[in-house]
Structures are given as structure tokens and as C-alpha cells.
Amino acid sequence: MRLDVRVPIGLMFTIIGAVLFVYGLISDAAIYQRSLGININLWWGLAQLVFGAVMLWLGWRAQSRRGESAPPPGPPQATPAHG
């Protein structure tokens, strides 16, 4: 099994995005006064979460397509010896 690089990248962005998104939901609104009241953690967490989910989906889709086109595993074929 070959690991597609999109899977670990997707996992990393999904986990970090989820943590940042949850922090943006539960944090105090007063800390966002310097950013003109925009909840940066919430929006960037959502962006990273979506990006990570897309990367995971693309990686898993490529692995499933690769698995469908491969011949089924079976015992090796013995070739007759000439001699």
C-alpha cells in the first residue's frame, strides 16, 4: 500500500482547523477588538477544516481508484522450466 501525501496533510489541516474553529467558538469576543471584531480563529479554523477535508477526500479517492484498477492478489504463477 502506497501512502498518498494528501492523506497526512489532510489529517494535519483537519485537526488543526478543528481545534482553531472550536477555540474561535468558545473564546471571548473582546480579544477580537484588534482585528476589527472579526473572529479570525473561527474563520481560519473553518478554512483549514474545509481544506483538510478536501485533501483527505482526494487522497482516499485516489487510493480507492488505485485499488480498483489493480489485479486481485493471488498465488504467483509458476513458469515451466525449459531445459
C-alpha atoms as a PDB file:
ATOM      1  CA  MET A   1       0.000   0.000   0.000  1.00  0.00           C
ATOM      2  CA  ARG A   2       1.377   3.348  -1.027  1.00  0.00           C
ATOM      3  CA  LEU A   3       0.554   6.359   1.129  1.00  0.00           C
ATOM      4  CA  ASP A   4      -0.661   9.403  -0.740  1.00  0.00           C
ATOM      5  CA  VAL A   5       0.806  12.637   0.661  1.00  0.00           C
ATOM      6  CA  ARG A   6      -2.673  14.199   0.646  1.00  0.00           C
ATOM      7  CA  VAL A   7      -3.822  11.942   3.495  1.00  0.00           C
ATOM      8  CA  PRO A   8      -1.354  13.104   6.217  1.00  0.00           C
ATOM      9  CA  ILE A   9      -1.618  16.721   5.022  1.00  0.00           C
ATOM     10  CA  GLY A  10      -5.397  16.458   5.181  1.00  0.00           C
ATOM     11  CA  LEU A  11      -5.263  14.955   8.662  1.00  0.00           C
ATOM     12  CA  MET A  12      -2.950  17.710   9.895  1.00  0.00           C
ATOM     13  CA  PHE A  13      -5.083  20.538   8.489  1.00  0.00           C
ATOM     14  CA  THR A  14      -8.317  18.921   9.667  1.00  0.00           C
ATOM     15  CA  ILE A  15      -7.087  18.501  13.244  1.00  0.00           C
ATOM     16  CA  ILE A  16      -5.533  21.982  13.492  1.00  0.00           C
ATOM     17  CA  GLY A  17      -8.571  23.545  11.811  1.00  0.00           C
ATOM     18  CA  ALA A  18     -10.965  21.794  14.188  1.00  0.00           C
ATOM     19  CA  VAL A  19      -9.003  22.964  17.233  1.00  0.00           C
ATOM     20  CA  LEU A  20      -8.837  26.530  15.934  1.00  0.00           C
ATOM     21  CA  PHE A  21     -12.534  26.518  14.998  1.00  0.00           C
ATOM     22  CA  VAL A  22     -13.605  25.283  18.441  1.00  0.00           C
ATOM     23  CA  TYR A  23     -11.336  27.862  20.103  1.00  0.00           C
ATOM     24  CA  GLY A  24     -12.969  30.561  17.997  1.00  0.00           C
ATOM     25  CA  LEU A  25     -16.400  29.386  19.121  1.00  0.00           C
ATOM     26  CA  ILE A  26     -15.632  29.383  22.846  1.00  0.00           C
ATOM     27  CA  SER A  27     -13.271  32.363  23.118  1.00  0.00           C
ATOM     28  CA  ASP A  28     -14.257  35.773  24.443  1.00  0.00           C
ATOM     29  CA  ALA A  29     -15.319  38.286  21.788  1.00  0.00           C
ATOM     30  CA  ALA A  30     -13.283  41.036  23.476  1.00  0.00           C
ATOM     31  CA  ILE A  31      -9.990  39.581  22.220  1.00  0.00           C
ATOM     32  CA  TYR A  32     -11.039  40.281  18.615  1.00  0.00           C
ATOM     33  CA  GLN A  33     -11.282  44.061  19.017  1.00  0.00           C
ATOM     34  CA  ARG A  34      -7.809  44.485  17.494  1.00  0.00           C
ATOM     35  CA  SER A  35      -8.980  42.645  14.358  1.00  0.00           C
ATOM     36  CA  LEU A  36     -11.987  44.951  13.871  1.00  0.00           C
ATOM     37  CA  GLY A  37     -14.292  42.491  15.640  1.00  0.00           C
ATOM     38  CA  ILE A  38     -13.654  39.676  13.169  1.00  0.00           C
ATOM     39  CA  ASN A  39     -13.272  36.286  14.824  1.00  0.00           C
ATOM     40  CA  ILE A  40     -10.083  35.302  12.990  1.00  0.00           C
ATOM     41  CA  ASN A  41      -9.722  31.982  14.792  1.00  0.00           C
ATOM     42  CA  LEU A  42     -13.212  30.893  13.807  1.00  0.00           C
ATOM     43  CA  TRP A  43     -12.865  31.766  10.114  1.00  0.00           C
ATOM     44  CA  TRP A  44      -9.313  30.461   9.632  1.00  0.00           C
ATOM     45  CA  GLY A  45     -10.212  27.320  11.555  1.00  0.00           C
ATOM     46  CA  LEU A  46     -13.157  26.777   9.226  1.00  0.00           C
ATOM     47  CA  ALA A  47     -10.956  27.390   6.163  1.00  0.00           C
ATOM     48  CA  GLN A  48      -8.345  24.896   7.382  1.00  0.00           C
ATOM     49  CA  LEU A  49     -11.034  22.373   8.275  1.00  0.00           C
ATOM     50  CA  VAL A  50     -12.532  22.556   4.790  1.00  0.00           C
ATOM     51  CA  PHE A  51      -9.111  22.389   3.107  1.00  0.00           C
ATOM     52  CA  GLY A  52      -8.118  19.378   5.225  1.00  0.00           C
ATOM     53  CA  ALA A  53     -11.383  17.585   4.474  1.00  0.00           C
ATOM     54  CA  VAL A  54     -10.920  18.144   0.730  1.00  0.00           C
ATOM     55  CA  MET A  55      -7.349  16.838   0.881  1.00  0.00           C
ATOM     56  CA  LEU A  56      -8.489  13.748   2.798  1.00  0.00           C
ATOM     57  CA  TRP A  57     -11.275  13.114   0.314  1.00  0.00           C
ATOM     58  CA  LEU A  58      -8.921  13.472  -2.663  1.00  0.00           C
ATOM     59  CA  GLY A  59      -6.348  11.168  -1.063  1.00  0.00           C
ATOM     60  CA  TRP A  60      -8.865   8.473  -0.179  1.00  0.00           C
ATOM     61  CA  ARG A  61     -10.496   8.727  -3.589  1.00  0.00           C
ATOM     62  CA  ALA A  62      -7.135   8.229  -5.314  1.00  0.00           C
ATOM     63  CA  GLN A  63      -6.343   5.232  -3.099  1.00  0.00           C
ATOM     64  CA  SER A  64      -9.703   3.612  -3.794  1.00  0.00           C
ATOM     65  CA  ARG A  65      -9.310   4.130  -7.546  1.00  0.00           C
ATOM     66  CA  ARG A  66      -5.808   2.711  -7.413  1.00  0.00           C
ATOM     67  CA  GLY A  67      -7.148  -0.319  -5.545  1.00  0.00           C
ATOM     68  CA  GLU A  68      -9.925  -0.923  -8.078  1.00  0.00           C
ATOM     69  CA  SER A  69      -7.582  -0.969 -11.079  1.00  0.00           C
ATOM     70  CA  ALA A  70      -5.043  -3.343  -9.505  1.00  0.00           C
ATOM     71  CA  PRO A  71      -5.428  -7.043 -10.257  1.00  0.00           C
ATOM     72  CA  PRO A  72      -6.661  -9.140  -7.336  1.00  0.00           C
ATOM     73  CA  PRO A  73      -3.885 -10.717  -5.286  1.00  0.00           C
ATOM     74  CA  GLY A  74      -3.357 -14.391  -5.874  1.00  0.00           C
ATOM     75  CA  PRO A  75      -0.694 -17.050  -5.773  1.00  0.00           C
ATOM     76  CA  PRO A  76       2.258 -16.433  -8.071  1.00  0.00           C
ATOM     77  CA  GLN A  77       2.145 -18.224 -11.389  1.00  0.00           C
ATOM     78  CA  ALA A  78       4.860 -20.826 -11.841  1.00  0.00           C
ATOM     79  CA  THR A  79       6.540 -20.869 -15.229  1.00  0.00           C
ATOM     80  CA  PRO A  80       7.709 -24.217 -16.611  1.00  0.00           C
ATOM     81  CA  ALA A  81      11.465 -24.658 -16.768  1.00  0.00           C
ATOM     82  CA  HIS A  82      12.987 -25.378 -20.176  1.00  0.00           C
ATOM     83  CA  GLY A  83      15.962 -27.398 -20.171  1.00  0.00           C
END
